[in-house]
Amino acid sequence: MLMDICNIGPEILGTATVNDKGQLVIPKEAREEVGLSAGDRLIVARHPTLGVLMLVKPKQLEARIGMYSDSLDKIKSDIATSEGGKNV
């Protein structure tokens, strides 16, 4: 199931337990691997079909959105060109 999230094999970086306050401690090795520091903010997202939680740095999400936006602009341009310049 994890492999379906990003079309890559899973890389398990440890386990964590949610405490009674709902807090989660990310293992030190995992924090170091992805460059997390005390005070960093993360976006908590749920995969729409797999139902798994994902923790994402805002800058990583912004970069991904920018990449998709650029791709979408290219697709729109290609469609407009193939349809004789109609606006899409």
C-alpha atoms as a PDB file:
ATOM      1  CA  MET A   1       0.000   0.000   0.000  1.00  0.00           C
ATOM      2  CA  LEU A   2       2.801   2.471   0.827  1.00  0.00           C
ATOM      3  CA  MET A   3       4.291   1.945  -2.611  1.00  0.00           C
ATOM      4  CA  ASP A   4       1.118   3.331  -4.216  1.00  0.00           C
ATOM      5  CA  ILE A   5       1.502   6.731  -2.540  1.00  0.00           C
ATOM      6  CA  CYS A   6       4.356   8.033  -4.642  1.00  0.00           C
ATOM      7  CA  ASN A   7       5.103   5.121  -6.962  1.00  0.00           C
ATOM      8  CA  ILE A   8       8.286   4.383  -5.033  1.00  0.00           C
ATOM      9  CA  GLY A   9       9.187   1.704  -2.563  1.00  0.00           C
ATOM     10  CA  PRO A  10       8.518   2.492   1.093  1.00  0.00           C
ATOM     11  CA  GLU A  11      11.343   3.807   3.194  1.00  0.00           C
ATOM     12  CA  ILE A  12      10.487   3.135   6.817  1.00  0.00           C
ATOM     13  CA  LEU A  13      12.332   5.633   9.013  1.00  0.00           C
ATOM     14  CA  GLY A  14      11.081   4.409  12.396  1.00  0.00           C
ATOM     15  CA  THR A  15       7.923   4.306  14.435  1.00  0.00           C
ATOM     16  CA  ALA A  16       6.167   6.886  16.567  1.00  0.00           C
ATOM     17  CA  THR A  17       3.480   6.844  19.231  1.00  0.00           C
ATOM     18  CA  VAL A  18       0.759   9.440  19.684  1.00  0.00           C
ATOM     19  CA  ASN A  19       0.532  10.532  23.332  1.00  0.00           C
ATOM     20  CA  ASP A  20      -2.595  11.488  25.265  1.00  0.00           C
ATOM     21  CA  LYS A  21      -2.249  15.119  24.079  1.00  0.00           C
ATOM     22  CA  GLY A  22      -2.215  13.987  20.439  1.00  0.00           C
ATOM     23  CA  GLN A  23       1.479  14.773  20.097  1.00  0.00           C
ATOM     24  CA  LEU A  24       3.768  12.687  17.960  1.00  0.00           C
ATOM     25  CA  VAL A  25       7.518  12.362  18.423  1.00  0.00           C
ATOM     26  CA  ILE A  26       9.304  11.770  15.128  1.00  0.00           C
ATOM     27  CA  PRO A  27      12.381   9.565  15.615  1.00  0.00           C
ATOM     28  CA  LYS A  28      15.710  11.427  15.594  1.00  0.00           C
ATOM     29  CA  GLU A  29      17.017   9.450  12.621  1.00  0.00           C
ATOM     30  CA  ALA A  30      13.925  10.332  10.590  1.00  0.00           C
ATOM     31  CA  ARG A  31      14.196  14.044  11.516  1.00  0.00           C
ATOM     32  CA  GLU A  32      17.843  14.075  10.493  1.00  0.00           C
ATOM     33  CA  GLU A  33      17.122  12.216   7.244  1.00  0.00           C
ATOM     34  CA  VAL A  34      14.579  14.810   6.089  1.00  0.00           C
ATOM     35  CA  GLY A  35      16.143  17.865   7.740  1.00  0.00           C
ATOM     36  CA  LEU A  36      13.542  18.616  10.405  1.00  0.00           C
ATOM     37  CA  SER A  37      14.444  20.882  13.303  1.00  0.00           C
ATOM     38  CA  ALA A  38      12.626  21.936  16.465  1.00  0.00           C
ATOM     39  CA  GLY A  39       9.951  24.474  15.600  1.00  0.00           C
ATOM     40  CA  ASP A  40       9.561  23.407  11.949  1.00  0.00           C
ATOM     41  CA  ARG A  41       5.954  23.422  10.800  1.00  0.00           C
ATOM     42  CA  LEU A  42       4.529  20.556   8.795  1.00  0.00           C
ATOM     43  CA  ILE A  43       1.373  20.205   6.773  1.00  0.00           C
ATOM     44  CA  VAL A  44      -0.637  17.160   7.821  1.00  0.00           C
ATOM     45  CA  ALA A  45      -2.425  15.690   4.814  1.00  0.00           C
ATOM     46  CA  ARG A  46      -4.490  12.565   4.227  1.00  0.00           C
ATOM     47  CA  HIS A  47      -4.140  10.651   0.994  1.00  0.00           C
ATOM     48  CA  PRO A  48      -7.631  10.701  -0.546  1.00  0.00           C
ATOM     49  CA  THR A  49      -7.829   7.033  -1.481  1.00  0.00           C
ATOM     50  CA  LEU A  50      -5.324   5.261   0.757  1.00  0.00           C
ATOM     51  CA  GLY A  51      -6.318   7.052   3.948  1.00  0.00           C
ATOM     52  CA  VAL A  52      -2.728   7.387   5.143  1.00  0.00           C
ATOM     53  CA  LEU A  53      -1.365  10.525   6.801  1.00  0.00           C
ATOM     54  CA  MET A  54       1.488  12.417   5.233  1.00  0.00           C
ATOM     55  CA  LEU A  55       3.675  15.056   6.865  1.00  0.00           C
ATOM     56  CA  VAL A  56       4.979  17.586   4.352  1.00  0.00           C
ATOM     57  CA  LYS A  57       7.163  20.661   4.707  1.00  0.00           C
ATOM     58  CA  PRO A  58       5.344  23.686   3.256  1.00  0.00           C
ATOM     59  CA  LYS A  59       8.253  24.498   0.904  1.00  0.00           C
ATOM     60  CA  GLN A  60       8.179  20.966  -0.498  1.00  0.00           C
ATOM     61  CA  LEU A  61       4.464  21.278  -1.153  1.00  0.00           C
ATOM     62  CA  GLU A  62       4.911  24.692  -2.774  1.00  0.00           C
ATOM     63  CA  ALA A  63       7.622  23.267  -5.048  1.00  0.00           C
ATOM     64  CA  ARG A  64       5.386  20.330  -6.021  1.00  0.00           C
ATOM     65  CA  ILE A  65       2.442  22.634  -6.711  1.00  0.00           C
ATOM     66  CA  GLY A  66       4.706  24.852  -8.827  1.00  0.00           C
ATOM     67  CA  MET A  67       5.854  21.833 -10.803  1.00  0.00           C
ATOM     68  CA  TYR A  68       2.260  20.744 -11.450  1.00  0.00           C
ATOM     69  CA  SER A  69       1.263  24.302 -12.330  1.00  0.00           C
ATOM     70  CA  ASP A  70       4.086  24.540 -14.876  1.00  0.00           C
ATOM     71  CA  SER A  71       3.054  21.188 -16.361  1.00  0.00           C
ATOM     72  CA  LEU A  72      -0.578  22.275 -16.533  1.00  0.00           C
ATOM     73  CA  ASP A  73       0.392  25.517 -18.284  1.00  0.00           C
ATOM     74  CA  LYS A  74       2.365  23.494 -20.843  1.00  0.00           C
ATOM     75  CA  ILE A  75      -0.560  21.141 -21.416  1.00  0.00           C
ATOM     76  CA  LYS A  76      -2.956  24.073 -21.877  1.00  0.00           C
ATOM     77  CA  SER A  77      -0.559  25.662 -24.357  1.00  0.00           C
ATOM     78  CA  ASP A  78      -0.208  22.411 -26.303  1.00  0.00           C
ATOM     79  CA  ILE A  79      -4.000  21.997 -26.448  1.00  0.00           C
ATOM     80  CA  ALA A  80      -4.489  25.584 -27.593  1.00  0.00           C
ATOM     81  CA  THR A  81      -1.857  25.121 -30.314  1.00  0.00           C
ATOM     82  CA  SER A  82      -3.376  21.851 -31.516  1.00  0.00           C
ATOM     83  CA  GLU A  83      -6.846  23.417 -31.630  1.00  0.00           C
ATOM     84  CA  GLY A  84      -5.714  26.355 -33.708  1.00  0.00           C
ATOM     85  CA  GLY A  85      -5.078  28.850 -30.937  1.00  0.00           C
ATOM     86  CA  LYS A  86      -8.375  28.621 -29.057  1.00  0.00           C
ATOM     87  CA  ASN A  87      -8.201  29.726 -25.421  1.00  0.00           C
ATOM     88  CA  VAL A  88      -8.420  26.903 -22.913  1.00  0.00           C
END
